[in-house]
Amino acid sequence: MKNQKTPFAVRFLGFSAREINIFDATFSVQQNRQKQYCRLSVESLQEPDLYLVNADDLKALAILADMEPNNLRPALLVGAPHVELPFATVERPIRWLKLFSALDTLIERRLIMLAKQDSADGALHNSVSERRRRERLDLDLTDPLEYERMRTKPPPTDRILVIDEESTFRDSLSVAMAHYVVPVEWVGNPDAAAEVYTGLTISMVLINPELSDFDPYDLCTTIKHQYRNTRVAVIFLVDRNFVYDHARARQVECDGFLSRHLEQPQILAALGKFLSWRRSEQ
């Protein structure tokens, strides 16, 4: 069960920038509560503990339905939806004690369900619905070039490359991925990486963006160009203080970032969305 001092991760849907700033500030000052919460960045690949949704935003409600929330990953609506929905709600204007009480109730239910879950199922095969890597959008609203990029073929096999000074993360990941017959390569610097991703078929590259003497966004561009005819995921493996450049990341088609400090089941669940057998289900 999660350490109660570790904030629970909340995925926000449909809120304005002003409202998100208010939530961030409120979450940050609630340091004395037994259960604490933090907002996940949009580009974070970490799976949320729960969803917080603006009930007045129809697109957010449609996205939420696509996520298929349940007791293992619940949702809390803020405001009154225009149609009846099977989710917990809190009224507007927000009463913070009521909101935190509702969040706590959902998290308690989630923790009970997780405690009962058979751990032998494994992190990549658990029954928790996964967040889609892309929203389902109306065909008329989406740039045709985006669909062209989405039609790129996946590599024939899965192989992960970790670019990091230390091999500790790779060693741990390699042991976990051995069960799924997914090899994990490692190099200590970006210069050595080229020999690997040009000589072997790679399906995922995990980059420590804080290595010295290189630009991780430029490296992402290089790797994506190398695999322009097949699909490859490029993910930044970050520490807590790293500042992710959202604009540049979108420009170079970086697939997002993941904290190296997460527990292994959370890391495996996030990476599992990019493996070939998981992609075939989406």
Protein backbone atom coordinates (compact mmCIF):
# COMPACT_ATOMS: atom_id res chain seq x y z
CA MET A 1 0.00 0.00 0.00
CA LYS A 2 1.20 3.51 -0.85
CA ASN A 3 3.14 5.40 1.78
CA GLN A 4 0.65 7.92 3.18
CA LYS A 5 3.29 10.67 3.05
CA THR A 6 3.58 10.26 -0.73
CA PRO A 7 1.03 12.50 -2.49
CA PHE A 8 -1.63 10.76 -4.52
CA ALA A 9 -1.45 11.67 -8.20
CA VAL A 10 -4.48 13.43 -9.69
CA ARG A 11 -5.15 13.75 -13.44
CA PHE A 12 -7.11 16.96 -14.17
CA LEU A 13 -9.62 17.12 -17.03
CA GLY A 14 -11.37 20.22 -18.34
CA PHE A 15 -10.22 22.93 -15.92
CA SER A 16 -8.96 26.38 -16.90
CA ALA A 17 -5.40 27.48 -16.17
CA ARG A 18 -6.73 29.79 -13.44
CA GLU A 19 -8.60 26.94 -11.72
CA ILE A 20 -5.58 24.64 -11.97
CA ASN A 21 -3.41 27.27 -10.29
CA ILE A 22 -5.92 27.47 -7.43
CA PHE A 23 -5.93 23.69 -7.06
CA ASP A 24 -2.11 23.57 -7.10
CA ALA A 25 -1.89 26.23 -4.42
CA THR A 26 -4.50 24.52 -2.26
CA PHE A 27 -2.86 21.11 -2.58
CA SER A 28 0.52 22.58 -1.66
CA VAL A 29 -0.68 24.13 1.60
CA GLN A 30 -2.39 20.96 2.80
CA GLN A 31 0.83 19.46 4.15
CA ASN A 32 -0.63 18.40 7.50
CA ARG A 33 -3.33 16.16 6.09
CA GLN A 34 -2.92 12.40 6.35
CA LYS A 35 -3.64 12.10 2.63
CA GLN A 36 -1.99 14.59 0.29
CA TYR A 37 -2.58 15.17 -3.41
CA CYS A 38 -0.61 16.52 -6.36
CA ARG A 39 -1.55 17.28 -9.96
CA LEU A 40 0.03 15.25 -12.75
CA SER A 41 1.47 17.25 -15.62
CA VAL A 42 -0.26 16.64 -18.94
CA GLU A 43 2.92 15.12 -20.42
CA SER A 44 3.60 12.85 -17.43
CA LEU A 45 3.23 9.19 -18.35
CA GLN A 46 2.55 8.22 -14.75
CA GLU A 47 -0.83 6.59 -14.23
CA PRO A 48 -3.05 8.69 -11.93
CA ASP A 49 -4.52 7.49 -8.67
CA LEU A 50 -7.75 9.28 -9.59
CA TYR A 51 -9.31 11.78 -11.99
CA LEU A 52 -10.64 15.23 -11.08
CA VAL A 53 -13.04 16.44 -13.76
CA ASN A 54 -14.82 19.71 -14.56
CA ALA A 55 -18.43 18.55 -14.93
CA ASP A 56 -19.28 21.67 -16.97
CA ASP A 57 -16.86 20.68 -19.75
CA LEU A 58 -18.49 18.22 -22.18
CA LYS A 59 -15.17 17.30 -23.82
CA ALA A 60 -13.69 16.44 -20.41
CA LEU A 61 -16.67 14.17 -19.68
CA ALA A 62 -16.23 12.45 -23.05
CA ILE A 63 -12.52 11.91 -22.37
CA LEU A 64 -13.35 10.56 -18.92
CA ALA A 65 -15.77 8.02 -20.39
CA ASP A 66 -12.99 6.87 -22.72
CA MET A 67 -10.72 6.33 -19.69
CA GLU A 68 -13.24 3.89 -18.20
CA PRO A 69 -12.74 4.91 -14.54
CA ASN A 70 -13.59 2.41 -11.82
CA ASN A 71 -12.97 1.79 -8.13
CA LEU A 72 -9.28 1.15 -8.83
CA ARG A 73 -8.93 4.47 -10.61
CA PRO A 74 -11.94 6.57 -9.58
CA ALA A 75 -13.21 9.94 -10.75
CA LEU A 76 -14.58 12.95 -8.89
CA LEU A 77 -16.72 15.49 -10.77
CA VAL A 78 -16.62 19.16 -9.77
CA GLY A 79 -19.98 20.78 -10.50
CA ALA A 80 -23.27 19.37 -11.72
CA PRO A 81 -23.13 17.43 -15.03
CA HIS A 82 -25.92 18.00 -17.54
CA VAL A 83 -26.65 14.25 -17.61
CA GLU A 84 -26.72 11.70 -14.84
CA LEU A 85 -23.35 9.99 -14.45
CA PRO A 86 -22.22 7.21 -12.08
CA PHE A 87 -19.43 9.25 -10.47
CA ALA A 88 -18.98 11.03 -7.16
CA THR A 89 -19.55 14.79 -7.34
CA VAL A 90 -18.91 17.94 -5.31
CA GLU A 91 -20.89 21.11 -5.92
CA ARG A 92 -19.72 24.50 -7.07
CA PRO A 93 -18.64 26.83 -5.58
CA ILE A 94 -16.04 24.47 -4.16
CA ARG A 95 -16.01 23.87 -0.44
CA TRP A 96 -12.51 22.60 0.12
CA LEU A 97 -13.31 20.45 3.17
CA LYS A 98 -16.01 18.67 1.17
CA LEU A 99 -13.69 18.23 -1.82
CA PHE A 100 -10.88 16.73 0.26
CA SER A 101 -13.36 14.51 2.08
CA ALA A 102 -14.64 13.20 -1.27
CA LEU A 103 -11.09 12.62 -2.52
CA ASP A 104 -10.20 10.76 0.67
CA THR A 105 -13.25 8.51 0.37
CA LEU A 106 -12.39 7.53 -3.21
CA ILE A 107 -8.74 6.90 -2.34
CA GLU A 108 -9.67 4.74 0.66
CA ARG A 109 -11.85 2.63 -1.63
CA ARG A 110 -9.01 2.37 -4.14
CA LEU A 111 -6.51 1.29 -1.48
CA ILE A 112 -8.87 -1.40 -0.23
CA MET A 113 -9.34 -2.71 -3.77
CA LEU A 114 -5.59 -2.71 -4.42
CA ALA A 115 -4.95 -4.59 -1.19
CA LYS A 116 -7.31 -7.32 -2.37
CA GLN A 117 -5.87 -7.49 -5.85
CA ASP A 118 -3.79 -10.53 -6.62
CA SER A 119 -0.23 -9.25 -6.98
CA ALA A 120 0.63 -12.25 -9.14
CA ASP A 121 -1.23 -10.63 -12.02
CA GLY A 122 1.79 -8.38 -12.65
CA ALA A 123 2.06 -4.68 -13.33
CA LEU A 124 1.63 -4.93 -17.11
CA HIS A 125 -1.46 -7.15 -16.92
CA ASN A 126 -3.40 -5.64 -14.06
CA SER A 127 -7.10 -4.86 -14.38
CA VAL A 128 -6.76 -1.09 -14.03
CA SER A 129 -7.88 0.70 -17.18
CA GLU A 130 -4.95 2.53 -18.75
CA ARG A 131 -4.91 6.15 -19.84
CA ARG A 132 -4.98 6.39 -23.61
CA ARG A 133 -1.89 7.90 -25.18
CA ARG A 134 -4.12 9.97 -27.47
CA GLU A 135 -7.66 11.24 -27.10
CA ARG A 136 -10.26 9.95 -29.50
CA LEU A 137 -11.07 13.01 -31.58
CA ASP A 138 -13.57 13.61 -34.34
CA LEU A 139 -11.95 12.92 -37.72
CA ASP A 140 -13.06 16.34 -39.02
CA LEU A 141 -11.24 18.13 -36.20
CA THR A 142 -7.89 16.43 -36.50
CA ASP A 143 -5.02 17.34 -38.81
CA PRO A 144 -4.66 14.57 -41.46
CA LEU A 145 -0.90 14.61 -40.86
CA GLU A 146 -1.55 13.49 -37.29
CA TYR A 147 -3.33 10.39 -38.54
CA GLU A 148 -0.50 9.77 -40.97
CA ARG A 149 1.94 9.77 -38.05
CA MET A 150 -0.34 7.45 -36.10
CA ARG A 151 -0.29 4.94 -38.97
CA THR A 152 3.46 4.37 -38.74
CA LYS A 153 4.23 0.70 -38.27
CA PRO A 154 5.38 -0.61 -34.88
CA PRO A 155 8.76 -2.37 -34.79
CA PRO A 156 8.60 -6.17 -35.24
CA THR A 157 9.92 -6.78 -31.71
CA ASP A 158 10.26 -4.82 -28.49
CA ARG A 159 13.64 -3.62 -27.28
CA ILE A 160 14.32 -0.80 -24.81
CA LEU A 161 17.37 1.45 -24.76
CA VAL A 162 18.28 3.36 -21.58
CA ILE A 163 20.66 6.32 -21.93
CA ASP A 164 21.96 7.20 -18.49
CA GLU A 165 25.27 7.56 -16.67
CA GLU A 166 24.33 4.93 -14.11
CA SER A 167 23.11 1.46 -15.05
CA THR A 168 21.05 1.02 -11.85
CA PHE A 169 17.70 1.88 -13.42
CA ARG A 170 18.42 -0.25 -16.47
CA ASP A 171 19.45 -3.24 -14.32
CA SER A 172 16.22 -3.12 -12.34
CA LEU A 173 14.11 -2.66 -15.47
CA SER A 174 15.93 -5.48 -17.25
CA VAL A 175 15.05 -7.95 -14.51
CA ALA A 176 11.39 -6.91 -14.61
CA MET A 177 11.19 -7.01 -18.42
CA ALA A 178 12.82 -10.43 -18.64
CA HIS A 179 9.46 -11.92 -17.66
CA TYR A 180 7.98 -10.37 -20.83
CA VAL A 181 11.01 -11.28 -22.98
CA VAL A 182 11.83 -7.62 -23.64
CA PRO A 183 15.60 -6.94 -23.72
CA VAL A 184 16.86 -3.71 -22.16
CA GLU A 185 20.06 -2.16 -23.55
CA TRP A 186 22.13 0.47 -21.74
CA VAL A 187 24.68 3.11 -22.71
CA GLY A 188 26.25 5.72 -20.48
CA ASN A 189 26.15 8.68 -22.86
CA PRO A 190 24.31 9.91 -25.97
CA ASP A 191 27.33 9.44 -28.26
CA ALA A 192 27.38 5.72 -27.56
CA ALA A 193 23.63 5.49 -28.09
CA ALA A 194 23.80 6.01 -31.85
CA GLU A 195 25.62 2.72 -32.37
CA VAL A 196 22.82 0.90 -30.55
CA TYR A 197 19.72 2.51 -32.04
CA THR A 198 21.15 2.35 -35.57
CA GLY A 199 22.46 -1.21 -35.24
CA LEU A 200 19.50 -2.74 -33.41
CA THR A 201 15.74 -2.36 -33.77
CA ILE A 202 14.63 -0.27 -30.79
CA SER A 203 10.99 0.29 -29.81
CA MET A 204 11.55 2.59 -26.81
CA VAL A 205 14.33 4.96 -25.71
CA LEU A 206 14.54 6.25 -22.13
CA ILE A 207 16.80 9.30 -21.86
CA ASN A 208 18.19 10.97 -18.77
CA PRO A 209 17.79 14.58 -20.03
CA GLU A 210 20.24 15.96 -17.46
CA LEU A 211 23.33 14.27 -18.85
CA SER A 212 26.07 16.77 -19.61
CA ASP A 213 27.03 18.20 -23.01
CA PHE A 214 23.94 17.35 -25.03
CA ASP A 215 20.44 18.58 -25.81
CA PRO A 216 17.83 15.86 -25.07
CA TYR A 217 15.29 17.45 -27.42
CA ASP A 218 17.75 17.42 -30.32
CA LEU A 219 18.53 13.77 -29.54
CA CYS A 220 14.82 13.01 -29.61
CA THR A 221 14.61 14.55 -33.09
CA THR A 222 17.55 12.44 -34.26
CA ILE A 223 16.05 9.21 -32.97
CA LYS A 224 12.60 9.97 -34.39
CA HIS A 225 14.21 10.68 -37.79
CA GLN A 226 16.11 7.39 -37.62
CA TYR A 227 12.80 5.60 -37.08
CA ARG A 228 10.67 7.79 -39.35
CA ASN A 229 9.09 4.73 -41.02
CA THR A 230 8.43 2.79 -37.81
CA ARG A 231 7.12 3.76 -34.40
CA VAL A 232 9.55 4.45 -31.57
CA ALA A 233 8.75 5.96 -28.16
CA VAL A 234 11.18 8.50 -26.73
CA ILE A 235 10.66 9.19 -23.04
CA PHE A 236 12.60 11.40 -20.64
CA LEU A 237 13.53 9.70 -17.38
CA VAL A 238 13.55 12.62 -14.98
CA ASP A 239 14.38 13.61 -11.43
CA ARG A 240 12.01 15.68 -9.31
CA ASN A 241 13.65 19.03 -10.07
CA PHE A 242 13.77 18.69 -13.86
CA VAL A 243 11.87 21.36 -15.81
CA TYR A 244 10.18 19.81 -18.84
CA ASP A 245 9.94 22.15 -21.84
CA HIS A 246 6.41 21.37 -23.04
CA ALA A 247 6.65 23.43 -26.25
CA ARG A 248 9.93 21.90 -27.42
CA ALA A 249 8.81 18.42 -26.42
CA ARG A 250 5.73 18.69 -28.63
CA GLN A 251 7.83 20.07 -31.47
CA VAL A 252 10.21 17.09 -31.44
CA GLU A 253 7.37 14.60 -30.77
CA CYS A 254 8.74 13.46 -27.43
CA ASP A 255 6.28 10.97 -25.96
CA GLY A 256 6.43 12.39 -22.44
CA PHE A 257 8.38 12.04 -19.23
CA LEU A 258 8.45 9.63 -16.31
CA SER A 259 9.91 10.08 -12.84
CA ARG A 260 12.65 7.59 -12.04
CA HIS A 261 11.55 7.76 -8.38
CA LEU A 262 8.26 5.94 -8.97
CA GLU A 263 7.77 2.45 -7.64
CA GLN A 264 8.49 -0.29 -10.15
CA PRO A 265 4.82 -1.29 -10.75
CA GLN A 266 4.03 2.32 -11.70
CA ILE A 267 6.98 2.45 -14.09
CA LEU A 268 6.03 -0.84 -15.72
CA ALA A 269 2.41 0.23 -16.11
CA ALA A 270 3.48 3.44 -17.87
CA LEU A 271 6.01 1.78 -20.17
CA GLY A 272 3.63 -1.08 -20.92
CA LYS A 273 1.44 1.24 -22.99
CA PHE A 274 4.23 1.52 -25.56
CA LEU A 275 5.02 -2.18 -25.98
CA SER A 276 3.86 -3.85 -29.19
CA TRP A 277 1.32 -6.21 -27.61
CA ARG A 278 -0.21 -3.29 -25.69
CA ARG A 279 -0.30 -1.04 -28.76
CA SER A 280 -2.23 -3.69 -30.66
CA GLU A 281 -5.05 -3.40 -28.11
CA GLN A 282 -5.51 0.35 -28.57
